[in-house]
Amino acid sequence: MPPENLNLKISIIIPVLNEAATIASVISTAQNAKNVEIIVADGGSNDGTAEIATSLGVRVVSSSQGRATQMNAGAALATGDILLFLHADTLLPPGYDSGARLALAKPQTVAGAFELKIDARTLCLRLVEIGVNCRSHFLQMPYGDQAIFLYSAIFDQIGGFPDLPLMEDFEFVRRLKKQGRIQIVPEPVLTSARRWQQLGVLKTTAINQIVIIAYFFGVSPDRLAFWYRRQKKNSSQN
């Protein structure tokens, strides 16, 4: 691999909405690297998230609410050769910067992501991890909580994230697969278990699969997003 590939600048884009409880630790792990910039794309937080991020020395951009919109807004300001999209409840592993650069240096590789580890000690979530990591390796279909990264030129080429209220990462990866290989870095990111804990592991998994199947059969992302939000609301009231 050419030595210059090891020095490519990485821009980390973190979409946030009221993430004051987690944003400092997420930024801290992202800052533990060489030649990176961090951009927090805020969708209108009112809990001090943006202020915390600013105090930690990272750039904050305000945008309309919506993960795809926020990530595209952050990417528009990025100056890195590589873009890495990080959820606000997910911690990057040590050496993630070298891992991403090495992954993208492989022949025919245009993008990558990390294996997934969930921050909870339950057997059900260990099974979820196994399923996610098998899907990622064998189908080259990582999702957004695995910190997807890619060359900025490829991001521009495919038009960024599609403007969808749901499934934006799924559709984004489908488009990426047409451009080349998606490499999975064996070191895992550590993501919060909160969404599985909120709805329950089995229900969360079932809802996710229903959404994917419905999307394949042509159900609009707007309808899917409405149904998904209703399921979360009903669960929180029970």
Protein backbone atom coordinates (compact mmCIF):
# COMPACT_ATOMS: atom_id res chain seq x y z
CA MET A 1 0.00 0.00 0.00
CA PRO A 2 1.38 3.45 -0.88
CA PRO A 3 2.54 5.30 2.28
CA GLU A 4 0.27 8.24 1.49
CA ASN A 5 -2.80 6.06 2.00
CA LEU A 6 -1.92 5.78 5.69
CA ASN A 7 -2.14 9.55 6.01
CA LEU A 8 -5.45 10.23 4.32
CA LYS A 9 -7.54 12.67 6.33
CA ILE A 10 -10.74 11.28 7.86
CA SER A 11 -13.80 13.44 8.43
CA ILE A 12 -16.14 12.02 11.07
CA ILE A 13 -19.76 13.15 10.79
CA ILE A 14 -22.00 12.61 13.83
CA PRO A 15 -25.74 13.35 13.40
CA VAL A 16 -27.30 14.31 16.74
CA LEU A 17 -30.63 15.17 18.29
CA ASN A 18 -30.67 15.58 22.08
CA GLU A 19 -27.67 13.37 22.77
CA ALA A 20 -26.18 15.27 25.73
CA ALA A 21 -25.78 12.05 27.72
CA THR A 22 -23.53 10.35 25.17
CA ILE A 23 -21.96 12.91 22.85
CA ALA A 24 -18.88 13.66 24.99
CA SER A 25 -17.77 10.01 25.17
CA VAL A 26 -18.46 9.50 21.46
CA ILE A 27 -16.37 12.53 20.52
CA SER A 28 -13.62 11.43 22.91
CA THR A 29 -13.14 8.07 21.18
CA ALA A 30 -13.25 9.75 17.78
CA GLN A 31 -10.56 12.24 18.80
CA ASN A 32 -8.19 9.44 19.77
CA ALA A 33 -6.73 9.25 16.25
CA LYS A 34 -4.41 10.94 13.79
CA ASN A 35 -5.37 13.38 11.03
CA VAL A 36 -9.11 13.48 11.68
CA GLU A 37 -11.73 16.20 11.86
CA ILE A 38 -15.05 15.84 13.66
CA ILE A 39 -18.26 17.48 12.51
CA VAL A 40 -21.40 17.26 14.63
CA ALA A 41 -24.56 17.77 12.58
CA ASP A 42 -27.27 18.94 14.96
CA GLY A 43 -30.93 18.56 14.04
CA GLY A 44 -32.26 21.02 16.62
CA SER A 45 -31.20 19.71 20.04
CA ASN A 46 -32.51 21.56 23.08
CA ASP A 47 -30.59 19.67 25.79
CA GLY A 48 -27.16 21.25 25.35
CA THR A 49 -25.77 18.68 22.93
CA ALA A 50 -24.42 21.30 20.53
CA GLU A 51 -22.86 23.30 23.37
CA ILE A 52 -21.09 20.20 24.72
CA ALA A 53 -19.72 19.39 21.28
CA THR A 54 -18.52 22.95 20.76
CA SER A 55 -16.76 22.94 24.14
CA LEU A 56 -14.83 19.85 23.05
CA GLY A 57 -13.39 21.70 20.07
CA VAL A 58 -15.32 20.09 17.24
CA ARG A 59 -17.24 21.82 14.49
CA VAL A 60 -21.02 21.96 14.86
CA VAL A 61 -23.38 22.53 11.96
CA SER A 62 -27.14 23.04 12.30
CA SER A 63 -29.50 21.46 9.79
CA SER A 64 -33.05 20.33 9.34
CA GLN A 65 -33.98 17.30 11.38
CA GLY A 66 -33.50 13.89 9.80
CA ARG A 67 -30.48 11.61 9.91
CA ALA A 68 -29.89 11.59 6.13
CA THR A 69 -30.26 15.38 5.92
CA GLN A 70 -27.94 15.92 8.85
CA MET A 71 -25.26 13.55 7.55
CA ASN A 72 -25.35 15.18 4.12
CA ALA A 73 -25.04 18.62 5.76
CA GLY A 74 -22.00 17.48 7.72
CA ALA A 75 -20.42 15.87 4.65
CA ALA A 76 -20.85 19.11 2.69
CA LEU A 77 -18.45 20.82 5.13
CA ALA A 78 -15.98 17.95 5.38
CA THR A 79 -12.45 18.35 4.07
CA GLY A 80 -11.28 14.75 4.49
CA ASP A 81 -10.40 12.21 1.81
CA ILE A 82 -12.45 9.69 3.81
CA LEU A 83 -15.88 10.24 5.36
CA LEU A 84 -16.92 8.22 8.41
CA PHE A 85 -20.52 8.41 9.64
CA LEU A 86 -20.90 7.76 13.35
CA HIS A 87 -24.07 7.42 15.39
CA ALA A 88 -24.23 9.50 18.56
CA ASP A 89 -24.54 6.42 20.79
CA THR A 90 -21.65 4.46 19.28
CA LEU A 91 -18.01 4.34 20.37
CA LEU A 92 -15.20 3.75 17.89
CA PRO A 93 -12.52 1.15 18.71
CA PRO A 94 -8.88 2.08 19.37
CA GLY A 95 -6.98 2.36 16.09
CA TYR A 96 -10.15 2.85 14.08
CA ASP A 97 -8.41 5.41 11.86
CA SER A 98 -5.71 2.96 10.74
CA GLY A 99 -8.34 0.26 10.34
CA ALA A 100 -10.42 2.40 8.01
CA ARG A 101 -7.44 3.50 5.92
CA LEU A 102 -6.14 -0.06 5.58
CA ALA A 103 -9.59 -1.35 4.62
CA LEU A 104 -10.01 1.21 1.86
CA ALA A 105 -6.54 0.45 0.51
CA LYS A 106 -7.64 -3.07 -0.46
CA PRO A 107 -8.24 -3.69 -4.18
CA GLN A 108 -11.74 -2.90 -5.49
CA THR A 109 -12.80 -1.58 -2.06
CA VAL A 110 -14.85 1.63 -2.04
CA ALA A 111 -16.26 1.59 1.49
CA GLY A 112 -16.19 -0.20 4.79
CA ALA A 113 -17.65 -0.51 8.27
CA PHE A 114 -16.83 -2.13 11.60
CA GLU A 115 -18.16 -5.23 13.26
CA LEU A 116 -20.85 -4.59 15.86
CA LYS A 117 -20.79 -5.06 19.62
CA ILE A 118 -23.79 -4.08 21.76
CA ASP A 119 -23.25 -2.59 25.21
CA ALA A 120 -25.30 -5.05 27.26
CA ARG A 121 -24.78 -8.49 28.76
CA THR A 122 -27.62 -10.62 27.46
CA LEU A 123 -27.55 -13.77 25.39
CA CYS A 124 -30.17 -12.42 22.99
CA LEU A 125 -27.98 -9.47 22.10
CA ARG A 126 -24.97 -11.74 21.58
CA LEU A 127 -27.09 -13.56 19.00
CA VAL A 128 -28.03 -10.23 17.41
CA GLU A 129 -24.32 -9.38 17.13
CA ILE A 130 -23.58 -12.71 15.46
CA GLY A 131 -26.37 -12.18 12.97
CA VAL A 132 -25.29 -8.62 12.16
CA ASN A 133 -21.65 -9.54 11.72
CA CYS A 134 -22.42 -12.55 9.54
CA ARG A 135 -24.69 -10.42 7.34
CA SER A 136 -22.03 -7.74 7.07
CA HIS A 137 -19.22 -10.09 6.10
CA PHE A 138 -21.07 -12.40 3.75
CA LEU A 139 -23.58 -10.00 2.18
CA GLN A 140 -21.52 -6.80 2.48
CA MET A 141 -24.56 -5.10 4.05
CA PRO A 142 -23.51 -3.15 7.15
CA TYR A 143 -25.98 -0.68 8.66
CA GLY A 144 -25.45 2.80 10.01
CA ASP A 145 -24.69 1.77 13.59
CA GLN A 146 -21.51 0.07 12.31
CA ALA A 147 -19.85 3.41 11.43
CA ILE A 148 -19.86 3.25 7.64
CA PHE A 149 -16.87 4.92 5.97
CA LEU A 150 -15.93 5.58 2.35
CA TYR A 151 -13.90 7.76 0.06
CA SER A 152 -15.39 11.25 -0.17
CA ALA A 153 -15.18 11.03 -3.98
CA ILE A 154 -17.41 7.94 -3.93
CA PHE A 155 -19.86 9.71 -1.62
CA ASP A 156 -20.15 12.56 -4.12
CA GLN A 157 -20.40 10.13 -7.01
CA ILE A 158 -23.47 8.35 -5.61
CA GLY A 159 -25.11 11.59 -4.47
CA GLY A 160 -24.74 11.18 -0.72
CA PHE A 161 -27.43 9.70 1.49
CA PRO A 162 -30.86 9.42 -0.12
CA ASP A 163 -33.40 11.85 1.35
CA LEU A 164 -35.47 9.23 3.14
CA PRO A 165 -37.06 9.37 6.62
CA LEU A 166 -36.10 5.71 7.19
CA MET A 167 -33.87 3.11 5.51
CA GLU A 168 -31.40 5.76 4.37
CA ASP A 169 -28.42 3.62 5.42
CA PHE A 170 -29.87 0.48 3.82
CA GLU A 171 -30.40 2.22 0.48
CA PHE A 172 -27.03 3.96 0.74
CA VAL A 173 -25.20 0.64 1.15
CA ARG A 174 -27.15 -0.90 -1.75
CA ARG A 175 -25.87 1.91 -3.96
CA LEU A 176 -22.34 1.50 -2.63
CA LYS A 177 -22.29 -2.21 -3.50
CA LYS A 178 -22.72 -1.27 -7.16
CA GLN A 179 -19.49 0.74 -6.97
CA GLY A 180 -17.22 -1.91 -5.46
CA ARG A 181 -16.45 -3.98 -2.41
CA ILE A 182 -17.47 -3.05 1.15
CA GLN A 183 -14.81 -4.19 3.62
CA ILE A 184 -15.66 -5.06 7.23
CA VAL A 185 -13.05 -4.19 9.86
CA PRO A 186 -12.88 -6.97 12.50
CA GLU A 187 -12.50 -4.56 15.45
CA PRO A 188 -16.05 -3.75 16.63
CA VAL A 189 -17.70 -0.48 17.44
CA LEU A 190 -19.58 -0.47 20.74
CA THR A 191 -23.15 0.72 20.34
CA SER A 192 -25.74 1.41 23.01
CA ALA A 193 -28.35 -1.24 23.71
CA ARG A 194 -31.03 1.42 24.29
CA ARG A 195 -33.14 0.76 21.20
CA TRP A 196 -33.27 -2.97 21.94
CA GLN A 197 -34.03 -2.28 25.59
CA GLN A 198 -36.78 0.19 24.73
CA LEU A 199 -38.79 -2.23 22.60
CA GLY A 200 -37.34 -5.58 23.63
CA VAL A 201 -34.86 -7.62 21.60
CA LEU A 202 -37.36 -9.85 19.84
CA LYS A 203 -39.76 -7.04 18.99
CA THR A 204 -36.97 -4.76 17.76
CA THR A 205 -35.58 -7.51 15.53
CA ALA A 206 -39.03 -8.35 14.18
CA ILE A 207 -39.84 -4.70 13.44
CA ASN A 208 -36.53 -4.23 11.64
CA GLN A 209 -37.13 -7.25 9.44
CA ILE A 210 -40.69 -6.21 8.65
CA VAL A 211 -39.47 -2.77 7.59
CA ILE A 212 -36.80 -4.26 5.30
CA ILE A 213 -39.23 -6.70 3.68
CA ALA A 214 -41.87 -4.01 3.22
CA TYR A 215 -39.28 -1.71 1.65
CA PHE A 216 -38.31 -4.44 -0.80
CA PHE A 217 -41.96 -4.82 -1.78
CA GLY A 218 -42.26 -1.12 -2.53
CA VAL A 219 -43.87 0.32 0.60
CA SER A 220 -42.88 4.00 0.74
CA PRO A 221 -40.30 5.07 3.33
CA ASP A 222 -42.76 7.73 4.57
CA ARG A 223 -45.35 5.09 5.43
CA LEU A 224 -42.69 2.86 6.98
CA ALA A 225 -41.38 5.74 9.10
CA PHE A 226 -44.90 6.54 10.33
CA TRP A 227 -45.50 2.90 11.27
CA TYR A 228 -42.07 2.59 12.91
CA ARG A 229 -42.60 5.70 15.05
CA ARG A 230 -46.01 4.44 16.11
CA GLN A 231 -44.53 1.12 17.24
CA LYS A 232 -41.94 2.94 19.35
CA LYS A 233 -44.58 5.23 20.84
CA ASN A 234 -46.88 2.35 21.72
CA SER A 235 -44.04 0.47 23.38
CA SER A 236 -43.01 3.47 25.47
CA GLN A 237 -46.59 3.80 26.75
CA ASN A 238 -46.83 0.18 27.81
